[in-house]
N, C-alpha and C. Protein backbone atom coordinates (compact mmCIF):
# COMPACT_ATOMS: atom_id res chain seq x y z
N MET A 1 112.61 -11.42 126.53
CA MET A 1 113.14 -11.70 125.19
C MET A 1 112.20 -11.13 124.14
N ILE A 2 112.77 -10.54 123.13
CA ILE A 2 111.99 -9.95 122.04
C ILE A 2 112.29 -10.70 120.75
N ILE A 3 111.23 -11.07 120.05
CA ILE A 3 111.37 -11.72 118.75
C ILE A 3 110.65 -10.87 117.71
N ASP A 4 111.40 -10.35 116.74
CA ASP A 4 110.81 -9.63 115.63
C ASP A 4 110.62 -10.62 114.49
N VAL A 5 109.37 -10.77 114.06
CA VAL A 5 109.05 -11.74 113.01
C VAL A 5 108.74 -11.00 111.72
N PHE A 6 109.62 -11.12 110.75
CA PHE A 6 109.36 -10.55 109.43
C PHE A 6 108.57 -11.59 108.65
N SER A 7 107.38 -11.18 108.20
CA SER A 7 106.52 -12.14 107.52
C SER A 7 105.54 -11.41 106.62
N ASP A 8 104.82 -12.19 105.82
CA ASP A 8 103.77 -11.67 104.96
C ASP A 8 102.56 -12.58 105.12
N PRO A 9 101.37 -12.04 105.34
CA PRO A 9 100.21 -12.91 105.58
C PRO A 9 99.76 -13.73 104.39
N ILE A 10 100.39 -13.57 103.20
CA ILE A 10 100.07 -14.46 102.09
C ILE A 10 101.20 -15.47 101.87
N CYS A 11 102.09 -15.59 102.83
CA CYS A 11 103.20 -16.54 102.74
C CYS A 11 102.84 -17.81 103.52
N PRO A 12 102.63 -18.93 102.85
CA PRO A 12 102.26 -20.15 103.59
C PRO A 12 103.34 -20.61 104.54
N TRP A 13 104.61 -20.40 104.16
CA TRP A 13 105.69 -20.81 105.06
C TRP A 13 105.72 -19.95 106.32
N CYS A 14 105.21 -18.73 106.23
CA CYS A 14 105.13 -17.89 107.42
C CYS A 14 104.10 -18.44 108.41
N PHE A 15 103.01 -18.97 107.88
CA PHE A 15 102.00 -19.61 108.72
C PHE A 15 102.60 -20.84 109.40
N ILE A 16 103.30 -21.65 108.63
CA ILE A 16 103.98 -22.82 109.18
C ILE A 16 105.04 -22.40 110.19
N GLY A 17 105.80 -21.35 109.85
CA GLY A 17 106.83 -20.85 110.75
C GLY A 17 106.26 -20.36 112.06
N LYS A 18 105.09 -19.74 112.02
CA LYS A 18 104.43 -19.28 113.24
C LYS A 18 104.12 -20.46 114.15
N ARG A 19 103.59 -21.53 113.58
CA ARG A 19 103.29 -22.72 114.38
C ARG A 19 104.56 -23.32 114.99
N ARG A 20 105.62 -23.36 114.19
CA ARG A 20 106.86 -23.95 114.69
C ARG A 20 107.51 -23.08 115.75
N MET A 21 107.43 -21.76 115.59
CA MET A 21 107.94 -20.87 116.63
C MET A 21 107.16 -21.07 117.93
N GLU A 22 105.84 -21.15 117.81
CA GLU A 22 105.02 -21.35 119.01
C GLU A 22 105.38 -22.65 119.71
N LYS A 23 105.62 -23.70 118.93
CA LYS A 23 106.03 -24.97 119.52
C LYS A 23 107.40 -24.85 120.18
N ALA A 24 108.31 -24.11 119.55
CA ALA A 24 109.64 -23.92 120.12
C ALA A 24 109.56 -23.19 121.45
N LEU A 25 108.72 -22.18 121.52
CA LEU A 25 108.55 -21.44 122.78
C LEU A 25 108.01 -22.36 123.87
N GLU A 26 107.06 -23.20 123.48
CA GLU A 26 106.48 -24.14 124.44
C GLU A 26 107.54 -25.13 124.93
N LEU A 27 108.31 -25.70 124.01
CA LEU A 27 109.32 -26.70 124.37
C LEU A 27 110.40 -26.12 125.28
N ASN A 28 110.66 -24.82 125.12
CA ASN A 28 111.73 -24.19 125.90
C ASN A 28 111.21 -23.40 127.09
N GLY A 29 109.96 -23.61 127.45
CA GLY A 29 109.40 -22.96 128.63
C GLY A 29 109.26 -21.46 128.51
N LEU A 30 109.12 -20.97 127.27
CA LEU A 30 109.06 -19.53 127.04
C LEU A 30 107.70 -19.04 126.58
N ALA A 31 106.74 -19.93 126.45
CA ALA A 31 105.41 -19.53 125.99
C ALA A 31 104.82 -18.49 126.94
N GLY A 32 104.38 -17.37 126.37
CA GLY A 32 103.82 -16.30 127.17
C GLY A 32 104.84 -15.43 127.87
N LYS A 33 106.12 -15.70 127.66
CA LYS A 33 107.17 -14.96 128.36
C LYS A 33 108.02 -14.10 127.42
N VAL A 34 107.67 -14.06 126.14
CA VAL A 34 108.43 -13.26 125.18
C VAL A 34 107.53 -12.22 124.54
N THR A 35 108.15 -11.18 124.03
CA THR A 35 107.43 -10.17 123.26
C THR A 35 107.65 -10.45 121.78
N ILE A 36 106.55 -10.67 121.07
CA ILE A 36 106.63 -10.95 119.64
C ILE A 36 106.14 -9.74 118.87
N ARG A 37 106.99 -9.22 118.00
CA ARG A 37 106.64 -8.05 117.20
C ARG A 37 106.60 -8.46 115.74
N TRP A 38 105.45 -8.27 115.12
CA TRP A 38 105.25 -8.67 113.73
C TRP A 38 105.68 -7.55 112.80
N ARG A 39 106.62 -7.85 111.92
CA ARG A 39 107.22 -6.86 111.03
C ARG A 39 106.82 -7.13 109.58
N ALA A 40 106.69 -6.07 108.83
CA ALA A 40 106.17 -6.19 107.46
C ALA A 40 107.25 -6.61 106.46
N PHE A 41 106.87 -7.54 105.63
CA PHE A 41 107.66 -7.92 104.46
C PHE A 41 106.65 -8.22 103.36
N GLN A 42 106.93 -7.74 102.15
CA GLN A 42 106.01 -7.98 101.05
C GLN A 42 106.64 -8.93 100.04
N LEU A 43 106.02 -10.08 99.88
CA LEU A 43 106.51 -11.03 98.88
C LEU A 43 106.38 -10.47 97.47
N ASN A 44 105.35 -9.64 97.27
CA ASN A 44 105.08 -9.07 95.96
C ASN A 44 104.95 -7.55 96.07
N PRO A 45 106.07 -6.85 96.26
CA PRO A 45 105.97 -5.39 96.47
C PRO A 45 105.41 -4.64 95.28
N GLY A 46 105.43 -5.23 94.10
CA GLY A 46 104.89 -4.57 92.91
C GLY A 46 103.45 -4.94 92.61
N MET A 47 102.81 -5.64 93.53
CA MET A 47 101.43 -6.08 93.29
C MET A 47 100.50 -4.87 93.17
N PRO A 48 99.62 -4.84 92.14
CA PRO A 48 98.65 -3.75 92.03
C PRO A 48 97.81 -3.63 93.31
N PRO A 49 97.38 -2.43 93.67
CA PRO A 49 96.61 -2.24 94.91
C PRO A 49 95.39 -3.14 95.01
N GLU A 50 94.77 -3.43 93.88
CA GLU A 50 93.56 -4.26 93.89
C GLU A 50 93.87 -5.75 93.89
N GLY A 51 95.15 -6.12 93.85
CA GLY A 51 95.51 -7.52 93.79
C GLY A 51 95.43 -8.07 92.38
N MET A 52 95.41 -9.40 92.28
CA MET A 52 95.47 -10.04 90.97
C MET A 52 94.72 -11.37 91.01
N ASP A 53 94.10 -11.71 89.91
CA ASP A 53 93.49 -13.03 89.78
C ASP A 53 94.51 -14.10 90.11
N ARG A 54 94.10 -15.07 90.90
CA ARG A 54 95.03 -16.08 91.41
C ARG A 54 95.72 -16.87 90.29
N GLN A 55 94.96 -17.29 89.30
CA GLN A 55 95.54 -18.09 88.24
C GLN A 55 96.55 -17.28 87.42
N SER A 56 96.25 -16.00 87.21
CA SER A 56 97.19 -15.14 86.50
C SER A 56 98.48 -14.98 87.31
N TYR A 57 98.32 -14.86 88.60
CA TYR A 57 99.48 -14.73 89.48
C TYR A 57 100.35 -15.98 89.43
N LEU A 58 99.71 -17.15 89.52
CA LEU A 58 100.47 -18.40 89.50
C LEU A 58 101.21 -18.58 88.18
N ALA A 59 100.57 -18.14 87.09
CA ALA A 59 101.22 -18.24 85.78
C ALA A 59 102.46 -17.37 85.72
N LEU A 60 102.37 -16.17 86.30
CA LEU A 60 103.51 -15.26 86.31
C LEU A 60 104.62 -15.73 87.23
N LYS A 61 104.25 -16.24 88.39
CA LYS A 61 105.24 -16.59 89.41
C LYS A 61 105.87 -17.95 89.17
N PHE A 62 105.07 -18.92 88.74
CA PHE A 62 105.56 -20.29 88.63
C PHE A 62 105.54 -20.83 87.21
N GLY A 63 105.04 -20.04 86.28
CA GLY A 63 104.99 -20.52 84.91
C GLY A 63 103.77 -21.35 84.58
N GLY A 64 102.84 -21.42 85.52
CA GLY A 64 101.62 -22.17 85.25
C GLY A 64 101.15 -22.97 86.44
N GLY A 65 99.93 -23.49 86.33
CA GLY A 65 99.28 -24.18 87.43
C GLY A 65 99.92 -25.50 87.80
N GLU A 66 100.51 -26.21 86.82
CA GLU A 66 101.09 -27.52 87.12
C GLU A 66 102.27 -27.41 88.08
N ARG A 67 103.16 -26.47 87.79
CA ARG A 67 104.31 -26.27 88.67
C ARG A 67 103.85 -25.77 90.03
N ALA A 68 102.88 -24.86 90.04
CA ALA A 68 102.35 -24.34 91.30
C ALA A 68 101.74 -25.47 92.13
N ALA A 69 101.03 -26.39 91.47
CA ALA A 69 100.38 -27.49 92.18
C ALA A 69 101.43 -28.36 92.88
N GLN A 70 102.56 -28.59 92.22
CA GLN A 70 103.61 -29.40 92.84
C GLN A 70 104.14 -28.73 94.10
N ILE A 71 104.36 -27.42 94.00
CA ILE A 71 104.89 -26.67 95.13
C ILE A 71 103.89 -26.66 96.28
N TYR A 72 102.64 -26.38 95.96
CA TYR A 72 101.64 -26.26 97.02
C TYR A 72 101.25 -27.61 97.60
N ASP A 73 101.41 -28.68 96.85
CA ASP A 73 101.18 -30.01 97.42
C ASP A 73 102.19 -30.27 98.55
N ALA A 74 103.44 -29.87 98.31
CA ALA A 74 104.48 -30.07 99.33
C ALA A 74 104.19 -29.21 100.56
N ILE A 75 103.74 -27.98 100.32
CA ILE A 75 103.41 -27.10 101.44
C ILE A 75 102.23 -27.66 102.22
N ARG A 76 101.24 -28.17 101.50
CA ARG A 76 100.06 -28.74 102.15
C ARG A 76 100.46 -29.91 103.06
N ASP A 77 101.36 -30.75 102.57
CA ASP A 77 101.82 -31.88 103.37
C ASP A 77 102.51 -31.42 104.66
N THR A 78 103.34 -30.39 104.53
CA THR A 78 104.03 -29.86 105.70
C THR A 78 103.02 -29.22 106.65
N GLY A 79 102.04 -28.51 106.09
CA GLY A 79 101.03 -27.88 106.92
C GLY A 79 100.27 -28.88 107.77
N GLU A 80 99.96 -30.04 107.20
CA GLU A 80 99.23 -31.06 107.95
C GLU A 80 100.00 -31.50 109.19
N LYS A 81 101.31 -31.49 109.10
CA LYS A 81 102.14 -31.93 110.23
C LYS A 81 102.11 -30.95 111.39
N VAL A 82 101.76 -29.68 111.11
CA VAL A 82 101.70 -28.69 112.19
C VAL A 82 100.26 -28.22 112.45
N GLY A 83 99.31 -28.97 111.91
CA GLY A 83 97.90 -28.68 112.20
C GLY A 83 97.27 -27.60 111.37
N ILE A 84 97.81 -27.34 110.18
CA ILE A 84 97.24 -26.33 109.29
C ILE A 84 96.64 -27.02 108.07
N PRO A 85 95.31 -27.02 107.91
CA PRO A 85 94.69 -27.66 106.76
C PRO A 85 94.59 -26.70 105.57
N PHE A 86 95.71 -26.41 104.95
CA PHE A 86 95.72 -25.49 103.81
C PHE A 86 94.68 -25.90 102.77
N ASP A 87 93.96 -24.91 102.23
CA ASP A 87 93.02 -25.16 101.14
C ASP A 87 93.26 -24.12 100.06
N PHE A 88 94.31 -24.34 99.28
CA PHE A 88 94.70 -23.36 98.26
C PHE A 88 93.65 -23.22 97.17
N SER A 89 92.83 -24.23 97.00
CA SER A 89 91.82 -24.18 95.93
C SER A 89 90.78 -23.10 96.17
N ARG A 90 90.64 -22.64 97.40
CA ARG A 90 89.62 -21.64 97.71
C ARG A 90 90.11 -20.22 97.42
N ILE A 91 91.40 -20.05 97.20
CA ILE A 91 91.95 -18.71 96.97
C ILE A 91 91.70 -18.30 95.52
N LYS A 92 90.97 -17.22 95.32
CA LYS A 92 90.65 -16.73 93.98
C LYS A 92 91.46 -15.51 93.58
N ARG A 93 91.95 -14.77 94.58
CA ARG A 93 92.76 -13.58 94.28
C ARG A 93 93.99 -13.57 95.17
N THR A 94 95.10 -13.11 94.60
CA THR A 94 96.31 -12.85 95.38
C THR A 94 96.32 -11.35 95.68
N PRO A 95 96.24 -10.97 96.94
CA PRO A 95 96.09 -9.56 97.26
C PRO A 95 97.41 -8.81 97.38
N ASN A 96 97.31 -7.50 97.28
CA ASN A 96 98.36 -6.61 97.77
C ASN A 96 98.22 -6.61 99.29
N THR A 97 99.32 -6.78 100.02
CA THR A 97 99.21 -6.97 101.48
C THR A 97 99.51 -5.71 102.30
N VAL A 98 99.61 -4.57 101.67
CA VAL A 98 99.92 -3.35 102.43
C VAL A 98 98.84 -3.09 103.48
N LYS A 99 97.57 -3.18 103.10
CA LYS A 99 96.50 -2.93 104.07
C LYS A 99 96.52 -3.95 105.20
N ALA A 100 96.81 -5.19 104.87
CA ALA A 100 96.89 -6.22 105.90
C ALA A 100 98.01 -5.91 106.88
N HIS A 101 99.15 -5.49 106.37
CA HIS A 101 100.26 -5.11 107.25
C HIS A 101 99.89 -3.88 108.08
N ARG A 102 99.18 -2.94 107.48
CA ARG A 102 98.73 -1.76 108.24
C ARG A 102 97.81 -2.18 109.38
N LEU A 103 96.92 -3.12 109.11
CA LEU A 103 96.02 -3.59 110.16
C LEU A 103 96.80 -4.24 111.30
N ILE A 104 97.82 -5.02 110.97
CA ILE A 104 98.64 -5.65 112.01
C ILE A 104 99.29 -4.58 112.88
N ARG A 105 99.78 -3.52 112.26
CA ARG A 105 100.40 -2.45 113.03
C ARG A 105 99.37 -1.73 113.89
N TYR A 106 98.19 -1.51 113.34
CA TYR A 106 97.11 -0.88 114.11
C TYR A 106 96.76 -1.75 115.33
N ALA A 107 96.64 -3.04 115.10
CA ALA A 107 96.27 -3.96 116.18
C ALA A 107 97.35 -4.02 117.26
N ALA A 108 98.60 -3.80 116.88
CA ALA A 108 99.70 -3.85 117.85
C ALA A 108 99.56 -2.77 118.92
N ARG A 109 98.85 -1.71 118.61
CA ARG A 109 98.67 -0.62 119.58
C ARG A 109 97.95 -1.08 120.83
N THR A 110 97.11 -2.09 120.67
CA THR A 110 96.33 -2.58 121.81
C THR A 110 96.65 -4.05 122.11
N GLY A 111 97.74 -4.56 121.56
CA GLY A 111 98.15 -5.92 121.84
C GLY A 111 97.35 -6.99 121.13
N HIS A 112 96.64 -6.61 120.07
CA HIS A 112 95.83 -7.57 119.33
C HIS A 112 96.52 -8.09 118.07
N ASP A 113 97.78 -7.72 117.87
CA ASP A 113 98.43 -8.05 116.60
C ASP A 113 98.61 -9.55 116.39
N GLY A 114 98.95 -10.28 117.44
CA GLY A 114 99.11 -11.71 117.28
C GLY A 114 97.82 -12.39 116.84
N ALA A 115 96.71 -11.97 117.44
CA ALA A 115 95.41 -12.53 117.07
C ALA A 115 95.05 -12.16 115.64
N VAL A 116 95.36 -10.94 115.24
CA VAL A 116 95.06 -10.50 113.88
C VAL A 116 95.89 -11.27 112.86
N VAL A 117 97.17 -11.47 113.15
CA VAL A 117 98.02 -12.26 112.24
C VAL A 117 97.43 -13.65 112.05
N GLU A 118 97.04 -14.29 113.14
CA GLU A 118 96.45 -15.62 113.05
C GLU A 118 95.16 -15.59 112.23
N ALA A 119 94.33 -14.57 112.45
CA ALA A 119 93.06 -14.46 111.72
C ALA A 119 93.30 -14.27 110.23
N LEU A 120 94.29 -13.47 109.88
CA LEU A 120 94.58 -13.23 108.46
C LEU A 120 95.08 -14.51 107.78
N PHE A 121 95.97 -15.21 108.45
CA PHE A 121 96.44 -16.48 107.89
C PHE A 121 95.26 -17.43 107.67
N ARG A 122 94.42 -17.55 108.67
CA ARG A 122 93.31 -18.49 108.57
C ARG A 122 92.34 -18.09 107.48
N ARG A 123 91.97 -16.82 107.43
CA ARG A 123 91.01 -16.37 106.43
C ARG A 123 91.55 -16.55 105.01
N TYR A 124 92.82 -16.34 104.82
CA TYR A 124 93.39 -16.45 103.48
C TYR A 124 93.61 -17.91 103.08
N PHE A 125 94.31 -18.66 103.93
CA PHE A 125 94.75 -19.99 103.53
C PHE A 125 93.72 -21.09 103.77
N LEU A 126 92.79 -20.88 104.69
CA LEU A 126 91.80 -21.90 104.97
C LEU A 126 90.44 -21.57 104.35
N GLU A 127 90.13 -20.26 104.28
CA GLU A 127 88.82 -19.85 103.81
C GLU A 127 88.84 -19.14 102.47
N GLY A 128 90.03 -18.85 101.96
CA GLY A 128 90.16 -18.26 100.63
C GLY A 128 89.68 -16.83 100.51
N GLU A 129 89.66 -16.09 101.61
CA GLU A 129 89.16 -14.71 101.57
C GLU A 129 90.24 -13.76 101.03
N ASP A 130 89.80 -12.66 100.48
CA ASP A 130 90.69 -11.65 99.93
C ASP A 130 91.11 -10.70 101.05
N ILE A 131 92.28 -10.92 101.61
CA ILE A 131 92.71 -10.11 102.75
C ILE A 131 93.33 -8.78 102.31
N GLY A 132 93.12 -8.42 101.05
CA GLY A 132 93.43 -7.08 100.60
C GLY A 132 92.19 -6.21 100.61
N ASP A 133 91.04 -6.81 100.88
CA ASP A 133 89.75 -6.12 100.87
C ASP A 133 89.45 -5.52 102.24
N THR A 134 89.09 -4.26 102.27
CA THR A 134 88.86 -3.56 103.53
C THR A 134 87.75 -4.20 104.35
N GLU A 135 86.70 -4.68 103.70
CA GLU A 135 85.61 -5.31 104.44
C GLU A 135 86.08 -6.59 105.13
N VAL A 136 86.87 -7.38 104.43
CA VAL A 136 87.40 -8.61 105.02
C VAL A 136 88.32 -8.28 106.19
N LEU A 137 89.15 -7.27 106.03
CA LEU A 137 90.07 -6.88 107.10
C LEU A 137 89.29 -6.37 108.30
N GLY A 138 88.21 -5.61 108.05
CA GLY A 138 87.38 -5.14 109.14
C GLY A 138 86.75 -6.29 109.91
N ALA A 139 86.29 -7.31 109.18
CA ALA A 139 85.70 -8.47 109.83
C ALA A 139 86.74 -9.22 110.66
N ALA A 140 87.97 -9.31 110.14
CA ALA A 140 89.04 -9.96 110.89
C ALA A 140 89.34 -9.19 112.17
N ALA A 141 89.32 -7.87 112.06
CA ALA A 141 89.56 -7.03 113.24
C ALA A 141 88.49 -7.24 114.29
N GLU A 142 87.24 -7.27 113.85
CA GLU A 142 86.12 -7.50 114.78
C GLU A 142 86.26 -8.83 115.49
N GLU A 143 86.64 -9.84 114.75
CA GLU A 143 86.83 -11.17 115.31
C GLU A 143 87.86 -11.15 116.44
N CYS A 144 88.81 -10.24 116.34
CA CYS A 144 89.90 -10.18 117.32
C CYS A 144 89.65 -9.15 118.43
N GLY A 145 88.44 -8.61 118.47
CA GLY A 145 88.08 -7.70 119.56
C GLY A 145 88.23 -6.23 119.26
N LEU A 146 88.53 -5.89 118.02
CA LEU A 146 88.64 -4.49 117.62
C LEU A 146 87.31 -4.01 117.04
N ASP A 147 87.14 -2.70 116.97
CA ASP A 147 85.92 -2.14 116.40
C ASP A 147 86.04 -2.12 114.88
N GLY A 148 85.20 -2.89 114.22
CA GLY A 148 85.32 -3.04 112.77
C GLY A 148 85.10 -1.76 112.01
N ALA A 149 84.11 -0.98 112.42
CA ALA A 149 83.82 0.27 111.71
C ALA A 149 84.99 1.24 111.82
N THR A 150 85.59 1.31 113.01
CA THR A 150 86.74 2.19 113.21
C THR A 150 87.91 1.73 112.34
N VAL A 151 88.13 0.45 112.31
CA VAL A 151 89.23 -0.10 111.51
C VAL A 151 89.02 0.17 110.03
N ARG A 152 87.80 -0.04 109.54
CA ARG A 152 87.53 0.20 108.12
C ARG A 152 87.76 1.66 107.76
N GLY A 153 87.34 2.56 108.64
CA GLY A 153 87.57 3.98 108.39
C GLY A 153 89.04 4.32 108.40
N TRP A 154 89.78 3.71 109.31
CA TRP A 154 91.21 3.96 109.41
C TRP A 154 91.94 3.43 108.17
N LEU A 155 91.55 2.26 107.71
CA LEU A 155 92.19 1.68 106.53
C LEU A 155 91.90 2.48 105.27
N ALA A 156 90.83 3.24 105.27
CA ALA A 156 90.50 4.07 104.10
C ALA A 156 91.52 5.19 103.91
N GLY A 157 92.25 5.53 104.97
CA GLY A 157 93.32 6.51 104.86
C GLY A 157 94.63 5.84 104.49
N ASP A 158 95.74 6.49 104.82
CA ASP A 158 97.04 5.90 104.46
C ASP A 158 98.00 5.85 105.64
N GLU A 159 97.49 6.04 106.86
CA GLU A 159 98.36 6.02 108.03
C GLU A 159 99.08 4.67 108.13
N GLU A 160 100.34 4.72 108.47
CA GLU A 160 101.23 3.56 108.64
C GLU A 160 101.68 2.95 107.30
N THR A 161 101.20 3.47 106.18
CA THR A 161 101.65 2.94 104.90
C THR A 161 103.16 3.14 104.74
N ASP A 162 103.64 4.32 105.10
CA ASP A 162 105.07 4.58 105.00
C ASP A 162 105.87 3.67 105.93
N THR A 163 105.31 3.39 107.11
CA THR A 163 106.01 2.53 108.06
C THR A 163 106.12 1.11 107.53
N VAL A 164 105.06 0.63 106.91
CA VAL A 164 105.09 -0.70 106.30
C VAL A 164 106.20 -0.77 105.25
N GLN A 165 106.28 0.25 104.42
CA GLN A 165 107.31 0.27 103.39
C GLN A 165 108.70 0.35 104.02
N GLU A 166 108.83 1.13 105.07
CA GLU A 166 110.12 1.26 105.75
C GLU A 166 110.57 -0.07 106.35
N GLU A 167 109.64 -0.80 106.93
CA GLU A 167 109.99 -2.10 107.51
C GLU A 167 110.43 -3.07 106.41
N HIS A 168 109.70 -3.07 105.31
CA HIS A 168 110.09 -3.93 104.19
C HIS A 168 111.48 -3.55 103.68
N ASP A 169 111.71 -2.26 103.48
CA ASP A 169 113.00 -1.81 102.98
C ASP A 169 114.13 -2.14 103.96
N PHE A 170 113.84 -2.03 105.25
CA PHE A 170 114.85 -2.38 106.27
C PHE A 170 115.21 -3.85 106.16
N ALA A 171 114.18 -4.69 106.01
CA ALA A 171 114.44 -6.12 105.89
C ALA A 171 115.33 -6.41 104.68
N VAL A 172 115.02 -5.78 103.56
CA VAL A 172 115.82 -5.98 102.35
C VAL A 172 117.25 -5.50 102.57
N SER A 173 117.39 -4.38 103.28
CA SER A 173 118.73 -3.84 103.54
C SER A 173 119.55 -4.76 104.44
N MET A 174 118.86 -5.58 105.22
CA MET A 174 119.54 -6.54 106.10
C MET A 174 119.69 -7.91 105.42
N ASN A 175 119.49 -7.90 104.10
CA ASN A 175 119.65 -9.12 103.28
C ASN A 175 118.62 -10.20 103.61
N ILE A 176 117.47 -9.77 104.13
CA ILE A 176 116.35 -10.70 104.30
C ILE A 176 115.62 -10.72 102.96
N ASP A 177 115.75 -11.82 102.24
CA ASP A 177 115.13 -11.90 100.92
C ASP A 177 114.02 -12.95 100.86
N GLY A 178 113.71 -13.49 102.00
CA GLY A 178 112.62 -14.44 102.10
C GLY A 178 112.12 -14.51 103.53
N VAL A 179 110.90 -14.95 103.70
CA VAL A 179 110.29 -15.01 105.02
C VAL A 179 109.64 -16.37 105.22
N PRO A 180 109.47 -16.76 106.51
CA PRO A 180 109.65 -15.96 107.71
C PRO A 180 111.12 -15.82 108.09
N CYS A 181 111.38 -14.76 108.83
CA CYS A 181 112.69 -14.55 109.42
C CYS A 181 112.47 -14.07 110.85
N PHE A 182 113.02 -14.80 111.80
CA PHE A 182 112.82 -14.50 113.22
C PHE A 182 114.11 -13.88 113.76
N VAL A 183 114.04 -12.63 114.16
CA VAL A 183 115.21 -11.93 114.68
C VAL A 183 115.04 -11.83 116.20
N ILE A 184 115.95 -12.46 116.91
CA ILE A 184 115.82 -12.58 118.36
C ILE A 184 116.78 -11.63 119.04
N GLU A 185 116.18 -10.78 119.90
CA GLU A 185 116.94 -9.76 120.63
C GLU A 185 117.72 -8.84 119.69
N GLY A 186 117.26 -8.71 118.46
CA GLY A 186 117.88 -7.80 117.51
C GLY A 186 119.24 -8.22 117.01
N ARG A 187 119.67 -9.46 117.38
CA ARG A 187 121.03 -9.87 117.06
C ARG A 187 121.13 -11.22 116.35
N TYR A 188 120.23 -12.11 116.66
CA TYR A 188 120.34 -13.47 116.13
C TYR A 188 119.11 -13.80 115.29
N ALA A 189 119.35 -14.46 114.18
CA ALA A 189 118.25 -14.75 113.26
C ALA A 189 118.07 -16.25 113.06
N VAL A 190 116.82 -16.65 113.02
CA VAL A 190 116.43 -17.99 112.56
C VAL A 190 115.69 -17.75 111.26
N VAL A 191 116.27 -18.21 110.18
CA VAL A 191 115.75 -17.89 108.84
C VAL A 191 114.94 -19.07 108.30
N GLY A 192 113.74 -18.77 107.85
CA GLY A 192 112.88 -19.79 107.28
C GLY A 192 112.00 -20.46 108.33
N ALA A 193 111.11 -21.33 107.84
CA ALA A 193 110.19 -22.04 108.72
C ALA A 193 110.90 -23.27 109.30
N GLN A 194 111.89 -22.99 110.14
CA GLN A 194 112.71 -24.06 110.70
C GLN A 194 111.90 -24.91 111.69
N GLU A 195 112.36 -26.15 111.88
CA GLU A 195 111.76 -27.00 112.89
C GLU A 195 111.93 -26.35 114.27
N PRO A 196 111.04 -26.65 115.22
CA PRO A 196 111.13 -26.03 116.55
C PRO A 196 112.50 -26.17 117.20
N GLU A 197 113.17 -27.29 116.96
CA GLU A 197 114.46 -27.53 117.60
C GLU A 197 115.53 -26.53 117.15
N ALA A 198 115.33 -25.89 116.01
CA ALA A 198 116.33 -24.94 115.50
C ALA A 198 116.40 -23.68 116.35
N PHE A 199 115.34 -23.41 117.09
CA PHE A 199 115.32 -22.20 117.91
C PHE A 199 116.09 -22.37 119.22
N ALA A 200 116.18 -23.60 119.70
CA ALA A 200 116.74 -23.84 121.04
C ALA A 200 118.14 -23.26 121.24
N PRO A 201 119.08 -23.47 120.32
CA PRO A 201 120.42 -22.93 120.56
C PRO A 201 120.44 -21.41 120.70
N VAL A 202 119.59 -20.73 119.92
CA VAL A 202 119.53 -19.27 120.01
C VAL A 202 118.92 -18.85 121.34
N PHE A 203 117.85 -19.50 121.73
CA PHE A 203 117.23 -19.19 123.02
C PHE A 203 118.23 -19.38 124.16
N GLU A 204 118.96 -20.48 124.10
CA GLU A 204 119.94 -20.76 125.15
C GLU A 204 121.05 -19.72 125.17
N LEU A 205 121.50 -19.30 124.00
CA LEU A 205 122.54 -18.29 123.91
C LEU A 205 122.07 -16.97 124.53
N VAL A 206 120.87 -16.56 124.20
CA VAL A 206 120.33 -15.31 124.74
C VAL A 206 120.17 -15.40 126.25
N GLU A 207 119.66 -16.50 126.74
CA GLU A 207 119.48 -16.67 128.18
C GLU A 207 120.83 -16.66 128.90
N GLU A 208 121.85 -17.29 128.31
CA GLU A 208 123.17 -17.30 128.91
C GLU A 208 123.76 -15.89 128.95
N GLU A 209 123.58 -15.13 127.89
CA GLU A 209 124.05 -13.74 127.87
C GLU A 209 123.39 -12.94 128.98
N LYS A 210 122.10 -13.16 129.19
CA LYS A 210 121.39 -12.42 130.24
C LYS A 210 121.91 -12.80 131.63
N ARG A 211 122.22 -14.08 131.80
CA ARG A 211 122.76 -14.51 133.10
C ARG A 211 124.12 -13.88 133.36
N GLN A 212 124.94 -13.79 132.33
CA GLN A 212 126.26 -13.18 132.49
C GLN A 212 126.16 -11.69 132.78
N GLN A 213 125.23 -11.04 132.13
CA GLN A 213 125.03 -9.61 132.36
C GLN A 213 124.52 -9.34 133.78
N ALA A 214 123.73 -10.28 134.29
CA ALA A 214 123.18 -10.10 135.65
C ALA A 214 124.28 -10.26 136.70
N GLY A 215 125.32 -11.01 136.34
CA GLY A 215 126.43 -11.19 137.27
C GLY A 215 126.12 -12.20 138.35
N PRO A 216 127.07 -12.37 139.30
CA PRO A 216 126.91 -13.38 140.37
C PRO A 216 125.80 -12.97 141.34
């Protein structure tokens, strides 16, 4: 089974959705038995390359810190239920995520993409690091078993930038206007950070189709 996950590493619901997907796989006996492909989606496609001061971003997106605090309080509460101790107060900059998406694609070449996705979520939401910064991305890569110097040099170029944009554009063309979005076997979608139980009917449908295709 293949699951394409459209997400953005600065999306808190994507972090929550990752945990819930993992739980769903565990509950349905599929942990370690599926191929997960991380696909690029940019919540802020117009973000300047250097990112933006966090407070300025919140003012633009939510109209100010008070409204943002209400939203993030709710997210924090949900995060606690899935074992994610969000610490939004540590985030000082909202980054452009193109480089982060490029790193995920680079890591996929050697099967390290899942670890890199987890590292990016943790560094951003728990430690407040700027995951648009090449040095931070290099450190995340090293943590996941990749060569940091090689990664930093690679990120200094523009390889895979077009692919990241193409994936984002494809998602938009498929009417994916928010993430996470889990596309299973290229045909069925679970939209949003759904509870683990929401995945079961889709998993069962896919498994039944495979049994029918295999025949008696």
